[in-house]
């Protein structure tokens, strides 16, 4: 997994093209040149970073085993409020 500002806990989304780093206050692009994570990178709470997420396909759809009933989940789905999120 490549580190991008967009995948960092400190990323604040501004619109569909850019965001802001909560640490440096710099405007950063979602992708492309300049989107690489910085030394202050902290993985965001997303399904792909959860120990209960497994077997993602080519579209990023995998299995969540964090609840009584297994279900599908998107790797990029925000898990900040998930009661069963466990960082890898």
N, C-alpha and C. Protein backbone atom coordinates (compact mmCIF):
# COMPACT_ATOMS: atom_id res chain seq x y z
N UNK A 1 0.85 -1.18 0.00
CA UNK A 1 0.00 0.00 0.00
C UNK A 1 0.89 1.24 0.00
N UNK A 2 0.69 2.11 -0.95
CA UNK A 2 1.46 3.34 -0.97
C UNK A 2 0.79 4.38 -0.07
N UNK A 3 1.61 5.12 0.64
CA UNK A 3 1.09 6.13 1.54
C UNK A 3 0.76 7.40 0.75
N UNK A 4 -0.46 7.87 0.90
CA UNK A 4 -0.89 9.12 0.28
C UNK A 4 -1.49 9.99 1.38
N UNK A 5 -1.43 11.29 1.21
CA UNK A 5 -2.04 12.18 2.19
C UNK A 5 -3.50 11.78 2.44
N UNK A 6 -4.19 11.39 1.39
CA UNK A 6 -5.61 11.02 1.48
C UNK A 6 -5.86 9.85 2.43
N UNK A 7 -4.86 9.02 2.64
CA UNK A 7 -4.99 7.84 3.50
C UNK A 7 -4.52 8.10 4.93
N UNK A 8 -4.25 9.35 5.25
CA UNK A 8 -3.71 9.72 6.56
C UNK A 8 -4.81 10.23 7.49
N UNK A 9 -4.66 9.92 8.75
CA UNK A 9 -5.61 10.38 9.78
C UNK A 9 -5.63 11.91 9.86
N UNK A 10 -4.54 12.54 9.47
CA UNK A 10 -4.42 14.01 9.56
C UNK A 10 -4.94 14.74 8.32
N UNK A 11 -5.51 14.01 7.36
CA UNK A 11 -6.00 14.61 6.12
C UNK A 11 -7.41 15.15 6.33
N UNK A 12 -7.62 16.38 5.91
CA UNK A 12 -8.95 17.01 5.97
C UNK A 12 -9.40 17.24 4.53
N UNK A 13 -10.47 16.57 4.11
CA UNK A 13 -10.95 16.70 2.75
C UNK A 13 -11.59 18.07 2.54
N UNK A 14 -11.22 18.75 1.45
CA UNK A 14 -11.79 20.05 1.13
C UNK A 14 -12.76 19.99 -0.04
N UNK A 15 -12.41 19.23 -1.08
CA UNK A 15 -13.29 19.03 -2.23
C UNK A 15 -12.83 17.78 -2.97
N UNK A 16 -13.30 17.60 -4.20
CA UNK A 16 -13.00 16.36 -4.92
C UNK A 16 -11.57 16.31 -5.47
N UNK A 17 -10.80 17.37 -5.34
CA UNK A 17 -9.45 17.40 -5.88
C UNK A 17 -8.36 17.56 -4.83
N UNK A 18 -8.70 18.13 -3.67
CA UNK A 18 -7.65 18.45 -2.71
C UNK A 18 -8.15 18.39 -1.27
N UNK A 19 -7.16 18.45 -0.39
CA UNK A 19 -7.44 18.49 1.03
C UNK A 19 -6.37 19.29 1.73
N UNK A 20 -6.37 19.22 3.06
CA UNK A 20 -5.39 19.95 3.85
C UNK A 20 -4.80 19.01 4.89
N UNK A 21 -3.51 19.17 5.12
CA UNK A 21 -2.85 18.43 6.19
C UNK A 21 -3.12 19.17 7.49
N UNK A 22 -3.70 18.49 8.47
CA UNK A 22 -4.02 19.12 9.75
C UNK A 22 -2.76 19.47 10.54
N UNK A 23 -1.64 18.86 10.21
CA UNK A 23 -0.38 19.13 10.90
C UNK A 23 0.33 20.34 10.30
N UNK A 24 0.57 20.29 8.98
CA UNK A 24 1.33 21.35 8.31
C UNK A 24 0.47 22.50 7.80
N UNK A 25 -0.84 22.27 7.70
CA UNK A 25 -1.80 23.24 7.15
C UNK A 25 -1.59 23.49 5.66
N UNK A 26 -0.84 22.62 4.99
CA UNK A 26 -0.62 22.74 3.55
C UNK A 26 -1.78 22.12 2.78
N UNK A 27 -2.10 22.68 1.63
CA UNK A 27 -3.09 22.13 0.73
C UNK A 27 -2.40 21.02 -0.07
N UNK A 28 -3.01 19.84 -0.12
CA UNK A 28 -2.41 18.70 -0.81
C UNK A 28 -3.42 18.08 -1.76
N UNK A 29 -2.96 17.57 -2.91
CA UNK A 29 -3.86 16.93 -3.87
C UNK A 29 -4.26 15.53 -3.40
N UNK A 30 -5.43 15.07 -3.83
CA UNK A 30 -5.88 13.72 -3.49
C UNK A 30 -5.00 12.68 -4.18
N UNK A 31 -4.64 12.91 -5.44
CA UNK A 31 -3.78 11.97 -6.15
C UNK A 31 -2.84 12.71 -7.07
N UNK A 32 -1.95 11.98 -7.70
CA UNK A 32 -0.99 12.59 -8.61
C UNK A 32 0.21 13.18 -7.88
N UNK A 33 0.91 14.07 -8.55
CA UNK A 33 2.11 14.69 -8.00
C UNK A 33 1.80 15.44 -6.71
N UNK A 34 2.58 15.18 -5.69
CA UNK A 34 2.39 15.86 -4.40
C UNK A 34 1.43 15.16 -3.46
N UNK A 35 0.89 14.00 -3.86
CA UNK A 35 -0.08 13.31 -3.02
C UNK A 35 0.56 12.30 -2.07
N UNK A 36 1.87 12.14 -2.17
CA UNK A 36 2.57 11.17 -1.33
C UNK A 36 2.50 11.59 0.14
N UNK A 37 2.41 10.61 1.02
CA UNK A 37 2.36 10.88 2.45
C UNK A 37 3.66 11.51 2.94
N UNK A 38 3.57 12.23 4.04
CA UNK A 38 4.73 12.92 4.60
C UNK A 38 5.22 12.18 5.86
N UNK A 39 6.29 12.64 6.50
CA UNK A 39 6.80 11.98 7.71
C UNK A 39 5.80 11.94 8.87
N UNK A 40 4.79 12.78 8.85
CA UNK A 40 3.78 12.79 9.92
C UNK A 40 2.62 11.84 9.61
N UNK A 41 2.78 10.99 8.59
CA UNK A 41 1.71 10.08 8.16
C UNK A 41 1.29 9.13 9.28
N UNK A 42 -0.02 9.06 9.52
CA UNK A 42 -0.63 8.12 10.46
C UNK A 42 -1.78 7.47 9.70
N UNK A 43 -1.80 6.14 9.56
CA UNK A 43 -2.87 5.50 8.79
C UNK A 43 -4.27 5.86 9.33
N UNK A 44 -5.14 6.25 8.43
CA UNK A 44 -6.52 6.59 8.80
C UNK A 44 -7.30 5.33 9.17
N UNK A 45 -8.33 5.49 9.96
CA UNK A 45 -9.21 4.38 10.30
C UNK A 45 -10.09 4.07 9.09
N UNK A 46 -9.62 3.14 8.27
CA UNK A 46 -10.36 2.67 7.10
C UNK A 46 -10.41 1.16 7.18
N UNK A 47 -11.40 0.56 6.56
CA UNK A 47 -11.53 -0.89 6.60
C UNK A 47 -10.24 -1.59 6.18
N UNK A 48 -9.56 -1.08 5.16
CA UNK A 48 -8.33 -1.72 4.68
C UNK A 48 -7.24 -1.77 5.74
N UNK A 49 -7.32 -0.94 6.76
CA UNK A 49 -6.32 -0.91 7.83
C UNK A 49 -6.77 -1.67 9.07
N UNK A 50 -7.89 -2.38 8.96
CA UNK A 50 -8.47 -3.09 10.10
C UNK A 50 -8.10 -4.57 10.07
N UNK A 51 -7.81 -5.11 11.25
CA UNK A 51 -7.47 -6.53 11.36
C UNK A 51 -8.65 -7.43 11.00
N UNK A 52 -9.87 -6.91 11.03
CA UNK A 52 -11.06 -7.70 10.71
C UNK A 52 -11.40 -7.69 9.22
N UNK A 53 -10.60 -7.02 8.40
CA UNK A 53 -10.86 -6.92 6.96
C UNK A 53 -9.92 -7.87 6.23
N UNK A 54 -10.47 -8.67 5.31
CA UNK A 54 -9.64 -9.62 4.58
C UNK A 54 -10.14 -9.86 3.16
N UNK A 55 -9.28 -10.46 2.36
CA UNK A 55 -9.59 -10.92 1.00
C UNK A 55 -10.18 -9.86 0.07
N UNK A 56 -9.57 -8.67 -0.03
CA UNK A 56 -10.12 -7.69 -0.98
C UNK A 56 -9.91 -8.14 -2.43
N UNK A 57 -10.89 -7.87 -3.27
CA UNK A 57 -10.75 -8.19 -4.69
C UNK A 57 -10.11 -7.01 -5.42
N UNK A 58 -10.08 -7.05 -6.72
CA UNK A 58 -9.44 -5.99 -7.51
C UNK A 58 -10.17 -4.64 -7.39
N UNK A 59 -11.40 -4.65 -6.89
CA UNK A 59 -12.16 -3.42 -6.71
C UNK A 59 -12.09 -2.91 -5.26
N UNK A 60 -11.38 -3.64 -4.40
CA UNK A 60 -11.27 -3.23 -3.01
C UNK A 60 -12.41 -3.70 -2.14
N UNK A 61 -13.20 -4.65 -2.63
CA UNK A 61 -14.30 -5.19 -1.84
C UNK A 61 -13.81 -6.47 -1.17
N UNK A 62 -13.88 -6.48 0.16
CA UNK A 62 -13.40 -7.63 0.91
C UNK A 62 -14.42 -8.07 1.94
N UNK A 63 -13.97 -8.85 2.90
CA UNK A 63 -14.84 -9.41 3.92
C UNK A 63 -14.52 -8.80 5.28
N UNK A 64 -15.57 -8.38 5.99
CA UNK A 64 -15.44 -7.90 7.36
C UNK A 64 -15.86 -9.03 8.29
N UNK A 65 -14.96 -9.42 9.19
CA UNK A 65 -15.26 -10.49 10.14
C UNK A 65 -15.38 -9.94 11.57
N UNK A 66 -15.56 -8.64 11.69
CA UNK A 66 -15.59 -8.00 13.00
C UNK A 66 -16.93 -8.04 13.72
N UNK A 67 -17.93 -8.63 13.10
CA UNK A 67 -19.27 -8.68 13.70
C UNK A 67 -19.76 -10.11 13.73
N UNK A 68 -20.88 -10.36 14.38
CA UNK A 68 -21.43 -11.71 14.49
C UNK A 68 -21.66 -12.35 13.12
N UNK A 69 -22.08 -11.55 12.15
CA UNK A 69 -22.33 -12.03 10.80
C UNK A 69 -21.30 -11.38 9.87
N UNK A 70 -20.53 -12.21 9.14
CA UNK A 70 -19.58 -11.68 8.17
C UNK A 70 -20.34 -10.98 7.05
N UNK A 71 -19.75 -9.91 6.51
CA UNK A 71 -20.36 -9.18 5.43
C UNK A 71 -19.26 -8.59 4.57
N UNK A 72 -19.62 -8.08 3.40
CA UNK A 72 -18.65 -7.43 2.53
C UNK A 72 -18.42 -6.01 3.03
N UNK A 73 -17.28 -5.44 2.65
CA UNK A 73 -16.93 -4.07 3.01
C UNK A 73 -15.98 -3.52 1.95
N UNK A 74 -16.04 -2.21 1.75
CA UNK A 74 -15.10 -1.54 0.85
C UNK A 74 -13.83 -1.23 1.62
N UNK A 75 -12.68 -1.49 1.02
CA UNK A 75 -11.39 -1.21 1.66
C UNK A 75 -11.26 0.25 2.04
N UNK A 76 -11.77 1.15 1.20
CA UNK A 76 -11.61 2.58 1.43
C UNK A 76 -12.66 3.18 2.36
N UNK A 77 -13.56 2.36 2.85
CA UNK A 77 -14.63 2.86 3.72
C UNK A 77 -14.05 3.38 5.05
N UNK A 78 -14.48 4.55 5.45
CA UNK A 78 -14.05 5.12 6.72
C UNK A 78 -14.58 4.31 7.89
N UNK A 79 -13.73 4.01 8.84
CA UNK A 79 -14.11 3.18 9.98
C UNK A 79 -13.92 3.91 11.31
N UNK A 80 -13.90 5.23 11.26
CA UNK A 80 -13.65 6.03 12.46
C UNK A 80 -14.65 5.73 13.58
N UNK A 81 -15.90 5.47 13.23
CA UNK A 81 -16.92 5.22 14.25
C UNK A 81 -17.28 3.74 14.40
N UNK A 82 -16.54 2.85 13.76
CA UNK A 82 -16.83 1.42 13.86
C UNK A 82 -16.39 0.90 15.22
N UNK A 83 -17.33 0.33 15.95
CA UNK A 83 -17.03 -0.16 17.31
C UNK A 83 -16.11 -1.38 17.33
N UNK A 84 -15.94 -2.05 16.19
CA UNK A 84 -15.09 -3.24 16.14
C UNK A 84 -13.82 -3.04 15.34
N UNK A 85 -13.47 -1.78 15.02
CA UNK A 85 -12.24 -1.49 14.30
C UNK A 85 -11.03 -1.84 15.16
N UNK A 86 -10.09 -2.59 14.55
CA UNK A 86 -8.85 -2.95 15.24
C UNK A 86 -7.70 -2.66 14.27
N UNK A 87 -6.88 -1.69 14.58
CA UNK A 87 -5.76 -1.34 13.70
C UNK A 87 -4.83 -2.53 13.53
N UNK A 88 -4.33 -2.71 12.31
CA UNK A 88 -3.37 -3.80 12.03
C UNK A 88 -2.05 -3.50 12.69
